[in-house]
Amino acid sequence: MGTESHAVIDLDEDRHTPVLGSTGSGTIVEEGATSVVDEDADLGDGIPARARRNGNGSITLPLRYPVTLTIKSATNGTRDETYAELTFHRLTGADLRAMDAASAQSKQVVFLARSTRIREAVMNVLFDKMDGGDLLDAGNVVGSFFPSGPKAGRFT
């Protein structure tokens, strides 16, 4: 695992941070003096090799770079939560409706928050602190729930 990232979240605060997009990538394999890019790496339904399917149909993705957030709440006080893995669930019509209603800057956050069932305020900060490779893999996992949809980590 890499180094942990740490952030503080105040759940009683209503600010939202803009979200940047992500791009696809392949695996580079060194072969002698040349580099070969394997675009089909980890394509098993778009799920990275380190992810695991659960009995209830969800998929758990261990993060390469865990993130620790300090969560503040009037009802639960202050606590640290470390996100070393995310569990993704199939999206419902209500989830898709929420994504459609979100602003262009927050669609990716809503997409991941709804699938992982993590509060949007928490996912907003978690998203910003996550490693780009982990975000790409997360997009691939959610995309795998849509058999005819994009499989390259693209967010809808």
C-alpha atoms as a PDB file:
ATOM      1  CA  MET A   1       0.000   0.000   0.000  1.00  0.00           C
ATOM      2  CA  GLY A   2       1.070   3.611  -0.479  1.00  0.00           C
ATOM      3  CA  THR A   3       0.984   6.416   2.002  1.00  0.00           C
ATOM      4  CA  GLU A   4      -2.306   7.403   3.585  1.00  0.00           C
ATOM      5  CA  SER A   5      -3.976  10.710   2.883  1.00  0.00           C
ATOM      6  CA  HIS A   6      -5.847  12.519   5.686  1.00  0.00           C
ATOM      7  CA  ALA A   7      -8.641  15.108   5.580  1.00  0.00           C
ATOM      8  CA  VAL A   8     -11.251  16.556   7.958  1.00  0.00           C
ATOM      9  CA  ILE A   9     -14.956  16.619   7.003  1.00  0.00           C
ATOM     10  CA  ASP A  10     -17.624  18.612   8.828  1.00  0.00           C
ATOM     11  CA  LEU A  11     -20.937  16.889   8.019  1.00  0.00           C
ATOM     12  CA  ASP A  12     -22.828  19.931   9.252  1.00  0.00           C
ATOM     13  CA  GLU A  13     -21.257  22.118   6.571  1.00  0.00           C
ATOM     14  CA  ASP A  14     -22.929  22.532   3.154  1.00  0.00           C
ATOM     15  CA  ARG A  15     -19.945  23.320   0.927  1.00  0.00           C
ATOM     16  CA  HIS A  16     -19.168  21.170  -2.108  1.00  0.00           C
ATOM     17  CA  THR A  17     -15.877  21.073  -3.993  1.00  0.00           C
ATOM     18  CA  PRO A  18     -15.806  20.833  -7.808  1.00  0.00           C
ATOM     19  CA  VAL A  19     -14.752  17.458  -9.197  1.00  0.00           C
ATOM     20  CA  LEU A  20     -12.299  16.809 -11.994  1.00  0.00           C
ATOM     21  CA  GLY A  21     -12.777  14.112 -14.649  1.00  0.00           C
ATOM     22  CA  SER A  22     -10.765  10.922 -15.155  1.00  0.00           C
ATOM     23  CA  THR A  23      -9.248   9.162 -18.147  1.00  0.00           C
ATOM     24  CA  GLY A  24      -8.626   5.524 -19.119  1.00  0.00           C
ATOM     25  CA  SER A  25      -5.283   3.748 -19.180  1.00  0.00           C
ATOM     26  CA  GLY A  26      -3.694   0.402 -19.951  1.00  0.00           C
ATOM     27  CA  THR A  27      -0.886  -1.600 -18.384  1.00  0.00           C
ATOM     28  CA  ILE A  28       2.644  -1.023 -19.663  1.00  0.00           C
ATOM     29  CA  VAL A  29       4.758  -4.168 -19.990  1.00  0.00           C
ATOM     30  CA  GLU A  30       8.492  -3.778 -20.585  1.00  0.00           C
ATOM     31  CA  GLU A  31       9.756  -6.078 -23.344  1.00  0.00           C
ATOM     32  CA  GLY A  32      13.428  -5.552 -24.116  1.00  0.00           C
ATOM     33  CA  ALA A  33      14.045  -2.107 -25.592  1.00  0.00           C
ATOM     34  CA  THR A  34      10.350  -1.442 -26.302  1.00  0.00           C
ATOM     35  CA  SER A  35       7.296  -0.850 -24.138  1.00  0.00           C
ATOM     36  CA  VAL A  36       4.045  -2.614 -24.959  1.00  0.00           C
ATOM     37  CA  VAL A  37       0.744  -1.241 -23.657  1.00  0.00           C
ATOM     38  CA  ASP A  38      -1.830  -3.944 -22.903  1.00  0.00           C
ATOM     39  CA  GLU A  39      -5.173  -2.170 -23.353  1.00  0.00           C
ATOM     40  CA  ASP A  40      -7.026  -5.320 -22.308  1.00  0.00           C
ATOM     41  CA  ALA A  41      -5.408  -5.536 -18.850  1.00  0.00           C
ATOM     42  CA  ASP A  42      -7.915  -6.224 -16.050  1.00  0.00           C
ATOM     43  CA  LEU A  43     -10.841  -6.382 -18.485  1.00  0.00           C
ATOM     44  CA  GLY A  44     -12.700  -9.185 -16.673  1.00  0.00           C
ATOM     45  CA  ASP A  45     -15.980  -7.274 -16.949  1.00  0.00           C
ATOM     46  CA  GLY A  46     -13.994  -4.098 -16.282  1.00  0.00           C
ATOM     47  CA  ILE A  47     -13.132  -5.253 -12.789  1.00  0.00           C
ATOM     48  CA  PRO A  48      -9.510  -4.918 -11.585  1.00  0.00           C
ATOM     49  CA  ALA A  49      -7.875  -8.210 -10.559  1.00  0.00           C
ATOM     50  CA  ARG A  50      -7.635  -7.121  -6.899  1.00  0.00           C
ATOM     51  CA  ALA A  51     -11.434  -6.569  -6.643  1.00  0.00           C
ATOM     52  CA  ARG A  52     -13.691  -9.332  -5.335  1.00  0.00           C
ATOM     53  CA  ARG A  53     -17.302 -10.195  -6.033  1.00  0.00           C
ATOM     54  CA  ASN A  54     -19.443 -10.654  -2.934  1.00  0.00           C
ATOM     55  CA  GLY A  55     -22.302 -13.124  -2.460  1.00  0.00           C
ATOM     56  CA  ASN A  56     -24.905 -10.333  -2.504  1.00  0.00           C
ATOM     57  CA  GLY A  57     -23.797  -9.109  -5.962  1.00  0.00           C
ATOM     58  CA  SER A  58     -21.735  -6.181  -4.668  1.00  0.00           C
ATOM     59  CA  ILE A  59     -18.050  -5.770  -5.544  1.00  0.00           C
ATOM     60  CA  THR A  60     -15.357  -4.773  -3.035  1.00  0.00           C
ATOM     61  CA  LEU A  61     -12.344  -2.860  -4.349  1.00  0.00           C
ATOM     62  CA  PRO A  62      -9.287  -2.622  -2.066  1.00  0.00           C
ATOM     63  CA  LEU A  63      -7.686   0.796  -2.568  1.00  0.00           C
ATOM     64  CA  ARG A  64      -4.005   0.974  -3.421  1.00  0.00           C
ATOM     65  CA  TYR A  65      -3.765   4.171  -1.395  1.00  0.00           C
ATOM     66  CA  PRO A  66      -6.087   4.260   1.672  1.00  0.00           C
ATOM     67  CA  VAL A  67      -7.516   7.611   2.749  1.00  0.00           C
ATOM     68  CA  THR A  68      -8.274   8.652   6.332  1.00  0.00           C
ATOM     69  CA  LEU A  69     -10.940  11.291   6.921  1.00  0.00           C
ATOM     70  CA  THR A  70     -11.919  12.967  10.179  1.00  0.00           C
ATOM     71  CA  ILE A  71     -15.706  13.130  10.306  1.00  0.00           C
ATOM     72  CA  LYS A  72     -17.465  15.765  12.448  1.00  0.00           C
ATOM     73  CA  SER A  73     -21.163  15.521  13.254  1.00  0.00           C
ATOM     74  CA  ALA A  74     -23.396  17.172  15.850  1.00  0.00           C
ATOM     75  CA  THR A  75     -24.947  13.782  16.654  1.00  0.00           C
ATOM     76  CA  ASN A  76     -21.883  11.498  16.462  1.00  0.00           C
ATOM     77  CA  GLY A  77     -19.044  13.823  17.492  1.00  0.00           C
ATOM     78  CA  THR A  78     -15.647  13.599  15.801  1.00  0.00           C
ATOM     79  CA  ARG A  79     -14.170  10.324  14.567  1.00  0.00           C
ATOM     80  CA  ASP A  80     -11.513   9.146  12.110  1.00  0.00           C
ATOM     81  CA  GLU A  81     -12.545   6.792   9.304  1.00  0.00           C
ATOM     82  CA  THR A  82     -10.004   5.055   7.097  1.00  0.00           C
ATOM     83  CA  TYR A  83     -11.157   3.964   3.666  1.00  0.00           C
ATOM     84  CA  ALA A  84      -8.922   1.058   2.651  1.00  0.00           C
ATOM     85  CA  GLU A  85     -11.584  -0.468   0.397  1.00  0.00           C
ATOM     86  CA  LEU A  86     -14.897   0.497  -1.160  1.00  0.00           C
ATOM     87  CA  THR A  87     -17.882  -1.780  -1.697  1.00  0.00           C
ATOM     88  CA  PHE A  88     -19.973  -1.009  -4.775  1.00  0.00           C
ATOM     89  CA  HIS A  89     -23.621  -1.962  -5.268  1.00  0.00           C
ATOM     90  CA  ARG A  90     -25.795  -2.038  -8.372  1.00  0.00           C
ATOM     91  CA  LEU A  91     -27.502   1.273  -9.074  1.00  0.00           C
ATOM     92  CA  THR A  92     -31.271   1.721  -9.034  1.00  0.00           C
ATOM     93  CA  GLY A  93     -33.518   4.046 -10.996  1.00  0.00           C
ATOM     94  CA  ALA A  94     -33.508   6.438  -8.016  1.00  0.00           C
ATOM     95  CA  ASP A  95     -29.682   6.461  -8.108  1.00  0.00           C
ATOM     96  CA  LEU A  96     -29.686   7.254 -11.824  1.00  0.00           C
ATOM     97  CA  ARG A  97     -32.254   9.998 -11.280  1.00  0.00           C
ATOM     98  CA  ALA A  98     -30.051  11.555  -8.557  1.00  0.00           C
ATOM     99  CA  MET A  99     -27.058  11.469 -10.910  1.00  0.00           C
ATOM    100  CA  ASP A 100     -29.084  13.147 -13.668  1.00  0.00           C
ATOM    101  CA  ALA A 101     -30.172  15.886 -11.238  1.00  0.00           C
ATOM    102  CA  ALA A 102     -26.581  16.571 -10.095  1.00  0.00           C
ATOM    103  CA  SER A 103     -24.546  19.410 -11.553  1.00  0.00           C
ATOM    104  CA  ALA A 104     -21.912  18.546 -14.137  1.00  0.00           C
ATOM    105  CA  GLN A 105     -19.188  19.135 -11.525  1.00  0.00           C
ATOM    106  CA  SER A 106     -20.672  16.694  -9.006  1.00  0.00           C
ATOM    107  CA  LYS A 107     -21.960  13.844 -11.212  1.00  0.00           C
ATOM    108  CA  GLN A 108     -18.881  11.682 -10.574  1.00  0.00           C
ATOM    109  CA  VAL A 109     -19.162  12.128  -6.816  1.00  0.00           C
ATOM    110  CA  VAL A 110     -22.889  11.300  -6.845  1.00  0.00           C
ATOM    111  CA  PHE A 111     -22.172   8.285  -9.084  1.00  0.00           C
ATOM    112  CA  LEU A 112     -19.676   6.828  -6.589  1.00  0.00           C
ATOM    113  CA  ALA A 113     -21.584   7.907  -3.466  1.00  0.00           C
ATOM    114  CA  ARG A 114     -24.784   6.207  -4.618  1.00  0.00           C
ATOM    115  CA  SER A 115     -23.010   2.984  -5.622  1.00  0.00           C
ATOM    116  CA  THR A 116     -20.904   2.748  -2.443  1.00  0.00           C
ATOM    117  CA  ARG A 117     -23.748   4.002  -0.226  1.00  0.00           C
ATOM    118  CA  ILE A 118     -21.412   6.550   1.335  1.00  0.00           C
ATOM    119  CA  ARG A 119     -22.901   9.939   2.212  1.00  0.00           C
ATOM    120  CA  GLU A 120     -22.346  12.455  -0.568  1.00  0.00           C
ATOM    121  CA  ALA A 121     -20.656  14.945   1.796  1.00  0.00           C
ATOM    122  CA  VAL A 122     -18.111  12.275   2.750  1.00  0.00           C
ATOM    123  CA  MET A 123     -17.634  11.036  -0.829  1.00  0.00           C
ATOM    124  CA  ASN A 124     -17.065  14.618  -1.988  1.00  0.00           C
ATOM    125  CA  VAL A 125     -13.910  14.875   0.130  1.00  0.00           C
ATOM    126  CA  LEU A 126     -12.926  11.210  -0.276  1.00  0.00           C
ATOM    127  CA  PHE A 127     -13.074  11.601  -4.066  1.00  0.00           C
ATOM    128  CA  ASP A 128     -10.734  14.601  -3.939  1.00  0.00           C
ATOM    129  CA  LYS A 129      -8.241  12.710  -1.746  1.00  0.00           C
ATOM    130  CA  MET A 130      -8.302   9.406  -3.658  1.00  0.00           C
ATOM    131  CA  ASP A 131      -5.491   8.366  -5.975  1.00  0.00           C
ATOM    132  CA  GLY A 132      -6.328   8.759  -9.674  1.00  0.00           C
ATOM    133  CA  GLY A 133      -5.704   5.058 -10.356  1.00  0.00           C
ATOM    134  CA  ASP A 134      -8.095   4.081  -7.565  1.00  0.00           C
ATOM    135  CA  LEU A 135     -10.724   6.439  -9.026  1.00  0.00           C
ATOM    136  CA  LEU A 136     -10.311   4.926 -12.483  1.00  0.00           C
ATOM    137  CA  ASP A 137     -10.684   1.422 -11.039  1.00  0.00           C
ATOM    138  CA  ALA A 138     -13.773   2.528  -9.078  1.00  0.00           C
ATOM    139  CA  GLY A 139     -15.334   3.802 -12.306  1.00  0.00           C
ATOM    140  CA  ASN A 140     -14.552   0.465 -13.978  1.00  0.00           C
ATOM    141  CA  VAL A 141     -16.231  -1.449 -11.151  1.00  0.00           C
ATOM    142  CA  VAL A 142     -19.431   0.606 -11.342  1.00  0.00           C
ATOM    143  CA  GLY A 143     -19.349   0.407 -15.142  1.00  0.00           C
ATOM    144  CA  SER A 144     -19.244  -3.393 -14.895  1.00  0.00           C
ATOM    145  CA  PHE A 145     -22.817  -3.326 -13.541  1.00  0.00           C
ATOM    146  CA  PHE A 146     -23.938  -2.046 -16.961  1.00  0.00           C
ATOM    147  CA  PRO A 147     -23.213  -4.874 -19.432  1.00  0.00           C
ATOM    148  CA  SER A 148     -23.818  -2.795 -22.546  1.00  0.00           C
ATOM    149  CA  GLY A 149     -22.294   0.409 -21.178  1.00  0.00           C
ATOM    150  CA  PRO A 150     -18.788   1.847 -21.290  1.00  0.00           C
ATOM    151  CA  LYS A 151     -16.075  -0.255 -19.662  1.00  0.00           C
ATOM    152  CA  ALA A 152     -13.209   2.225 -19.490  1.00  0.00           C
ATOM    153  CA  GLY A 153     -13.747   3.918 -16.136  1.00  0.00           C
ATOM    154  CA  ARG A 154     -15.984   6.578 -17.607  1.00  0.00           C
ATOM    155  CA  PHE A 155     -18.530   8.177 -15.375  1.00  0.00           C
ATOM    156  CA  THR A 156     -22.037   8.838 -16.681  1.00  0.00           C
END
